[in-house]
Amino acid sequence: MGADAIVGTLTAPIGIMVWIGLLLGCSVAVYRMNSPIVSIHPFRLFTGYLAAIAVCVGISALSAYVPIEEAATRWHVRPEHYDQAIRNEFISTLAIVTIFATTGIALIGVPIIFRLARLGRAQIGEVLIVSVKVSLAFSAVLSLFSFSSIQSWLKLILPLAGYSTGLHLLLSLGFCIGAGLPWKVSDI
């Protein structure tokens, strides 16, 4: 229920306009600050975002799928409502994942990629390594808000770090491939 309220707010016309404005504003600001130095064309950024959104579609489809038997026994979804329930779960998950992922890319990922490009290291491997570092830092900070002892913190951070690192790697790889970043420095 709470997720539906968030999705409703984020996917309302004003929410979508704010989200697109944030993406454009951040991307344009980073591009303008770096354009004489770095040659990542705005179209490459756009195709990078599209590829990350495609990864979000895949992630959402995988996480929304529940076998019909499990949906019936665990969530009491009747067979005639199964397709609609899966579709609703997919759309809700897609909206949340896409908005948060692309916002993270705009606020954190694109500036990091431009920084790496300025250093001559904007390659897929480097971006993936930095993505893991960002993911681990994100997991550590997020887990600080809900622990009472070091043991409870470790129980929380380890699965969270594994899950978020996997998602960050998939999204980073999608963005990098979509943006046409090279696999190694000699391809630049």
C-alpha atoms as a PDB file:
ATOM      1  CA  MET A   1       0.000   0.000   0.000  1.00  0.00           C
ATOM      2  CA  GLY A   2       2.767   2.435   0.892  1.00  0.00           C
ATOM      3  CA  ALA A   3       4.544   1.689  -2.378  1.00  0.00           C
ATOM      4  CA  ASP A   4       1.359   2.473  -4.310  1.00  0.00           C
ATOM      5  CA  ALA A   5       1.174   5.902  -2.654  1.00  0.00           C
ATOM      6  CA  ILE A   6       4.805   6.599  -3.562  1.00  0.00           C
ATOM      7  CA  VAL A   7       4.278   5.374  -7.119  1.00  0.00           C
ATOM      8  CA  GLY A   8       1.131   7.499  -7.430  1.00  0.00           C
ATOM      9  CA  THR A   9       2.994  10.601  -6.311  1.00  0.00           C
ATOM     10  CA  LEU A  10       6.057   9.962  -8.445  1.00  0.00           C
ATOM     11  CA  THR A  11       4.108   9.065 -11.577  1.00  0.00           C
ATOM     12  CA  ALA A  12       1.676  11.969 -11.391  1.00  0.00           C
ATOM     13  CA  PRO A  13       2.301  14.522 -14.152  1.00  0.00           C
ATOM     14  CA  ILE A  14       3.989  16.967 -11.778  1.00  0.00           C
ATOM     15  CA  GLY A  15       6.168  14.183 -10.338  1.00  0.00           C
ATOM     16  CA  ILE A  16       7.265  13.099 -13.813  1.00  0.00           C
ATOM     17  CA  MET A  17       8.038  16.699 -14.791  1.00  0.00           C
ATOM     18  CA  VAL A  18      10.123  17.198 -11.643  1.00  0.00           C
ATOM     19  CA  TRP A  19      11.949  13.898 -12.287  1.00  0.00           C
ATOM     20  CA  ILE A  20      12.706  14.738 -15.943  1.00  0.00           C
ATOM     21  CA  GLY A  21      13.731  18.265 -14.953  1.00  0.00           C
ATOM     22  CA  LEU A  22      16.110  16.848 -12.345  1.00  0.00           C
ATOM     23  CA  LEU A  23      17.646  14.442 -14.874  1.00  0.00           C
ATOM     24  CA  LEU A  24      18.044  17.124 -17.522  1.00  0.00           C
ATOM     25  CA  GLY A  25      19.270  19.754 -15.075  1.00  0.00           C
ATOM     26  CA  CYS A  26      21.921  17.520 -13.526  1.00  0.00           C
ATOM     27  CA  SER A  27      23.068  16.096 -16.844  1.00  0.00           C
ATOM     28  CA  VAL A  28      23.268  19.504 -18.530  1.00  0.00           C
ATOM     29  CA  ALA A  29      25.113  21.019 -15.554  1.00  0.00           C
ATOM     30  CA  VAL A  30      27.691  18.229 -15.488  1.00  0.00           C
ATOM     31  CA  TYR A  31      28.049  18.320 -19.279  1.00  0.00           C
ATOM     32  CA  ARG A  32      28.564  22.091 -19.381  1.00  0.00           C
ATOM     33  CA  MET A  33      31.169  21.978 -16.613  1.00  0.00           C
ATOM     34  CA  ASN A  34      33.119  19.317 -18.473  1.00  0.00           C
ATOM     35  CA  SER A  35      32.326  19.789 -22.190  1.00  0.00           C
ATOM     36  CA  PRO A  36      35.597  21.428 -23.283  1.00  0.00           C
ATOM     37  CA  ILE A  37      37.588  18.713 -21.506  1.00  0.00           C
ATOM     38  CA  VAL A  38      35.530  15.545 -21.978  1.00  0.00           C
ATOM     39  CA  SER A  39      34.045  14.281 -25.215  1.00  0.00           C
ATOM     40  CA  ILE A  40      30.964  12.403 -24.026  1.00  0.00           C
ATOM     41  CA  HIS A  41      28.261  13.664 -26.346  1.00  0.00           C
ATOM     42  CA  PRO A  42      24.786  14.425 -24.900  1.00  0.00           C
ATOM     43  CA  PHE A  43      23.279  11.791 -27.216  1.00  0.00           C
ATOM     44  CA  ARG A  44      25.545   9.193 -25.588  1.00  0.00           C
ATOM     45  CA  LEU A  45      24.261  10.265 -22.180  1.00  0.00           C
ATOM     46  CA  PHE A  46      20.693   9.918 -23.459  1.00  0.00           C
ATOM     47  CA  THR A  47      21.323   6.425 -24.840  1.00  0.00           C
ATOM     48  CA  GLY A  48      23.021   5.535 -21.554  1.00  0.00           C
ATOM     49  CA  TYR A  49      19.866   6.532 -19.673  1.00  0.00           C
ATOM     50  CA  LEU A  50      17.731   4.512 -22.114  1.00  0.00           C
ATOM     51  CA  ALA A  51      19.908   1.435 -21.581  1.00  0.00           C
ATOM     52  CA  ALA A  52      19.674   1.865 -17.791  1.00  0.00           C
ATOM     53  CA  ILE A  53      15.887   2.100 -18.125  1.00  0.00           C
ATOM     54  CA  ALA A  54      15.943  -1.141 -20.157  1.00  0.00           C
ATOM     55  CA  VAL A  55      17.853  -2.766 -17.277  1.00  0.00           C
ATOM     56  CA  CYS A  56      15.172  -1.409 -14.907  1.00  0.00           C
ATOM     57  CA  VAL A  57      12.508  -3.122 -17.040  1.00  0.00           C
ATOM     58  CA  GLY A  58      14.359  -6.435 -16.713  1.00  0.00           C
ATOM     59  CA  ILE A  59      14.881  -6.026 -12.963  1.00  0.00           C
ATOM     60  CA  SER A  60      11.223  -5.120 -12.484  1.00  0.00           C
ATOM     61  CA  ALA A  61      10.011  -8.058 -14.555  1.00  0.00           C
ATOM     62  CA  LEU A  62      12.150 -10.500 -12.585  1.00  0.00           C
ATOM     63  CA  SER A  63      11.173  -9.106  -9.200  1.00  0.00           C
ATOM     64  CA  ALA A  64       7.456  -8.861 -10.022  1.00  0.00           C
ATOM     65  CA  TYR A  65       7.086 -12.448 -11.163  1.00  0.00           C
ATOM     66  CA  VAL A  66       5.521 -14.827  -8.672  1.00  0.00           C
ATOM     67  CA  PRO A  67       4.284 -18.281  -9.708  1.00  0.00           C
ATOM     68  CA  ILE A  68       0.500 -18.485  -9.739  1.00  0.00           C
ATOM     69  CA  GLU A  69       0.477 -21.119  -6.989  1.00  0.00           C
ATOM     70  CA  GLU A  70       2.543 -18.962  -4.644  1.00  0.00           C
ATOM     71  CA  ALA A  71       0.417 -15.899  -5.392  1.00  0.00           C
ATOM     72  CA  ALA A  72      -2.695 -17.881  -4.486  1.00  0.00           C
ATOM     73  CA  THR A  73      -1.363 -19.423  -1.276  1.00  0.00           C
ATOM     74  CA  ARG A  74       0.801 -16.605   0.050  1.00  0.00           C
ATOM     75  CA  TRP A  75      -1.085 -13.472  -1.011  1.00  0.00           C
ATOM     76  CA  HIS A  76      -4.514 -14.964  -1.660  1.00  0.00           C
ATOM     77  CA  VAL A  77      -4.615 -13.761  -5.269  1.00  0.00           C
ATOM     78  CA  ARG A  78      -7.395 -15.523  -7.109  1.00  0.00           C
ATOM     79  CA  PRO A  79      -6.438 -17.042 -10.481  1.00  0.00           C
ATOM     80  CA  GLU A  80      -8.701 -14.664 -12.400  1.00  0.00           C
ATOM     81  CA  HIS A  81      -6.861 -11.687 -10.857  1.00  0.00           C
ATOM     82  CA  TYR A  82      -3.355 -13.103 -11.234  1.00  0.00           C
ATOM     83  CA  ASP A  83      -2.435 -11.333 -14.503  1.00  0.00           C
ATOM     84  CA  GLN A  84      -3.619  -7.962 -13.235  1.00  0.00           C
ATOM     85  CA  ALA A  85      -1.803  -8.409  -9.900  1.00  0.00           C
ATOM     86  CA  ILE A  86       1.476  -9.243 -11.670  1.00  0.00           C
ATOM     87  CA  ARG A  87       1.022  -6.310 -14.067  1.00  0.00           C
ATOM     88  CA  ASN A  88       0.355  -3.916 -11.171  1.00  0.00           C
ATOM     89  CA  GLU A  89       3.405  -5.186  -9.275  1.00  0.00           C
ATOM     90  CA  PHE A  90       5.564  -4.827 -12.401  1.00  0.00           C
ATOM     91  CA  ILE A  91       4.398  -1.267 -13.073  1.00  0.00           C
ATOM     92  CA  SER A  92       4.863  -0.204  -9.444  1.00  0.00           C
ATOM     93  CA  THR A  93       8.312  -1.745  -9.254  1.00  0.00           C
ATOM     94  CA  LEU A  94       9.305  -0.304 -12.627  1.00  0.00           C
ATOM     95  CA  ALA A  95       8.257   3.211 -11.628  1.00  0.00           C
ATOM     96  CA  ILE A  96      10.158   3.129  -8.339  1.00  0.00           C
ATOM     97  CA  VAL A  97      13.282   1.424  -9.712  1.00  0.00           C
ATOM     98  CA  THR A  98      13.450   3.652 -12.802  1.00  0.00           C
ATOM     99  CA  ILE A  99      12.978   6.909 -10.929  1.00  0.00           C
ATOM    100  CA  PHE A 100      15.479   6.080  -8.193  1.00  0.00           C
ATOM    101  CA  ALA A 101      18.028   4.522 -10.572  1.00  0.00           C
ATOM    102  CA  THR A 102      18.017   7.346 -13.106  1.00  0.00           C
ATOM    103  CA  THR A 103      18.085   9.959 -10.347  1.00  0.00           C
ATOM    104  CA  GLY A 104      21.086   8.199  -8.810  1.00  0.00           C
ATOM    105  CA  ILE A 105      22.751   8.076 -12.207  1.00  0.00           C
ATOM    106  CA  ALA A 106      22.145  11.802 -12.736  1.00  0.00           C
ATOM    107  CA  LEU A 107      23.290  12.862  -9.258  1.00  0.00           C
ATOM    108  CA  ILE A 108      26.151  10.403  -8.685  1.00  0.00           C
ATOM    109  CA  GLY A 109      26.927   8.294 -11.755  1.00  0.00           C
ATOM    110  CA  VAL A 110      27.259  10.908 -14.489  1.00  0.00           C
ATOM    111  CA  PRO A 111      29.535  13.188 -12.411  1.00  0.00           C
ATOM    112  CA  ILE A 112      31.724  10.172 -11.598  1.00  0.00           C
ATOM    113  CA  ILE A 113      31.884   9.134 -15.248  1.00  0.00           C
ATOM    114  CA  PHE A 114      32.862  12.660 -16.295  1.00  0.00           C
ATOM    115  CA  ARG A 115      35.493  12.750 -13.553  1.00  0.00           C
ATOM    116  CA  LEU A 116      36.888   9.435 -14.802  1.00  0.00           C
ATOM    117  CA  ALA A 117      36.814  10.770 -18.377  1.00  0.00           C
ATOM    118  CA  ARG A 118      38.804  13.825 -17.298  1.00  0.00           C
ATOM    119  CA  LEU A 119      41.392  11.451 -15.847  1.00  0.00           C
ATOM    120  CA  GLY A 120      41.390   9.372 -19.044  1.00  0.00           C
ATOM    121  CA  ARG A 121      39.836   6.396 -17.238  1.00  0.00           C
ATOM    122  CA  ALA A 122      36.217   6.431 -18.453  1.00  0.00           C
ATOM    123  CA  GLN A 123      36.034   2.772 -19.308  1.00  0.00           C
ATOM    124  CA  ILE A 124      33.460   0.186 -18.322  1.00  0.00           C
ATOM    125  CA  GLY A 125      35.731  -1.651 -15.875  1.00  0.00           C
ATOM    126  CA  GLU A 126      36.626   1.520 -13.983  1.00  0.00           C
ATOM    127  CA  VAL A 127      32.996   2.598 -13.782  1.00  0.00           C
ATOM    128  CA  LEU A 128      31.987  -0.827 -12.454  1.00  0.00           C
ATOM    129  CA  ILE A 129      34.693  -0.690  -9.759  1.00  0.00           C
ATOM    130  CA  VAL A 130      33.523   2.749  -8.654  1.00  0.00           C
ATOM    131  CA  SER A 131      29.929   1.490  -8.764  1.00  0.00           C
ATOM    132  CA  VAL A 132      30.783  -1.238  -6.253  1.00  0.00           C
ATOM    133  CA  LYS A 133      32.406   1.343  -3.955  1.00  0.00           C
ATOM    134  CA  VAL A 134      29.354   3.621  -4.182  1.00  0.00           C
ATOM    135  CA  SER A 135      27.056   0.666  -3.544  1.00  0.00           C
ATOM    136  CA  LEU A 136      28.968  -0.440  -0.452  1.00  0.00           C
ATOM    137  CA  ALA A 137      29.015   3.118   0.915  1.00  0.00           C
ATOM    138  CA  PHE A 138      25.281   3.463   0.218  1.00  0.00           C
ATOM    139  CA  SER A 139      24.576   0.167   1.999  1.00  0.00           C
ATOM    140  CA  ALA A 140      26.672   1.147   5.006  1.00  0.00           C
ATOM    141  CA  VAL A 141      24.979   4.522   5.367  1.00  0.00           C
ATOM    142  CA  LEU A 142      21.497   3.071   4.870  1.00  0.00           C
ATOM    143  CA  SER A 143      22.085   0.326   7.411  1.00  0.00           C
ATOM    144  CA  LEU A 144      23.274   2.811  10.051  1.00  0.00           C
ATOM    145  CA  PHE A 145      19.683   3.951  10.506  1.00  0.00           C
ATOM    146  CA  SER A 146      18.379   0.595  11.702  1.00  0.00           C
ATOM    147  CA  PHE A 147      20.726  -1.284  13.979  1.00  0.00           C
ATOM    148  CA  SER A 148      21.077  -1.657  17.699  1.00  0.00           C
ATOM    149  CA  SER A 149      24.284  -3.682  17.931  1.00  0.00           C
ATOM    150  CA  ILE A 150      27.233  -4.555  15.743  1.00  0.00           C
ATOM    151  CA  GLN A 151      25.797  -8.055  15.202  1.00  0.00           C
ATOM    152  CA  SER A 152      22.456  -6.691  14.009  1.00  0.00           C
ATOM    153  CA  TRP A 153      24.310  -4.232  11.776  1.00  0.00           C
ATOM    154  CA  LEU A 154      26.321  -7.049  10.164  1.00  0.00           C
ATOM    155  CA  LYS A 155      23.159  -9.118   9.674  1.00  0.00           C
ATOM    156  CA  LEU A 156      21.596  -6.165   7.878  1.00  0.00           C
ATOM    157  CA  ILE A 157      24.511  -4.795   5.865  1.00  0.00           C
ATOM    158  CA  LEU A 158      25.738  -8.039   4.308  1.00  0.00           C
ATOM    159  CA  PRO A 159      22.526  -8.926   2.409  1.00  0.00           C
ATOM    160  CA  LEU A 160      21.843  -5.261   1.655  1.00  0.00           C
ATOM    161  CA  ALA A 161      25.363  -4.773   0.278  1.00  0.00           C
ATOM    162  CA  GLY A 162      25.091  -7.888  -1.877  1.00  0.00           C
ATOM    163  CA  TYR A 163      21.701  -6.911  -3.267  1.00  0.00           C
ATOM    164  CA  SER A 164      22.537  -3.256  -3.907  1.00  0.00           C
ATOM    165  CA  THR A 165      25.936  -4.100  -5.399  1.00  0.00           C
ATOM    166  CA  GLY A 166      24.343  -6.487  -7.874  1.00  0.00           C
ATOM    167  CA  LEU A 167      21.746  -3.909  -8.901  1.00  0.00           C
ATOM    168  CA  HIS A 168      24.348  -1.136  -9.177  1.00  0.00           C
ATOM    169  CA  LEU A 169      26.571  -3.321 -11.339  1.00  0.00           C
ATOM    170  CA  LEU A 170      23.703  -4.177 -13.699  1.00  0.00           C
ATOM    171  CA  LEU A 171      22.581  -0.557 -13.965  1.00  0.00           C
ATOM    172  CA  SER A 172      26.151   0.725 -14.392  1.00  0.00           C
ATOM    173  CA  LEU A 173      26.902  -1.841 -17.062  1.00  0.00           C
ATOM    174  CA  GLY A 174      23.696  -0.969 -18.906  1.00  0.00           C
ATOM    175  CA  PHE A 175      24.412   2.747 -18.751  1.00  0.00           C
ATOM    176  CA  CYS A 176      28.042   2.298 -19.848  1.00  0.00           C
ATOM    177  CA  ILE A 177      27.138   0.098 -22.812  1.00  0.00           C
ATOM    178  CA  GLY A 178      24.302   2.430 -23.810  1.00  0.00           C
ATOM    179  CA  ALA A 179      26.588   5.467 -23.537  1.00  0.00           C
ATOM    180  CA  GLY A 180      29.205   3.718 -25.674  1.00  0.00           C
ATOM    181  CA  LEU A 181      31.984   3.776 -23.106  1.00  0.00           C
ATOM    182  CA  PRO A 182      34.975   1.667 -24.101  1.00  0.00           C
ATOM    183  CA  TRP A 183      35.767  -1.667 -22.493  1.00  0.00           C
ATOM    184  CA  LYS A 184      39.384  -0.641 -21.980  1.00  0.00           C
ATOM    185  CA  VAL A 185      41.440   2.544 -22.130  1.00  0.00           C
ATOM    186  CA  SER A 186      43.078   1.697 -25.453  1.00  0.00           C
ATOM    187  CA  ASP A 187      39.593   1.767 -27.077  1.00  0.00           C
ATOM    188  CA  ILE A 188      39.154   5.469 -26.277  1.00  0.00           C
END
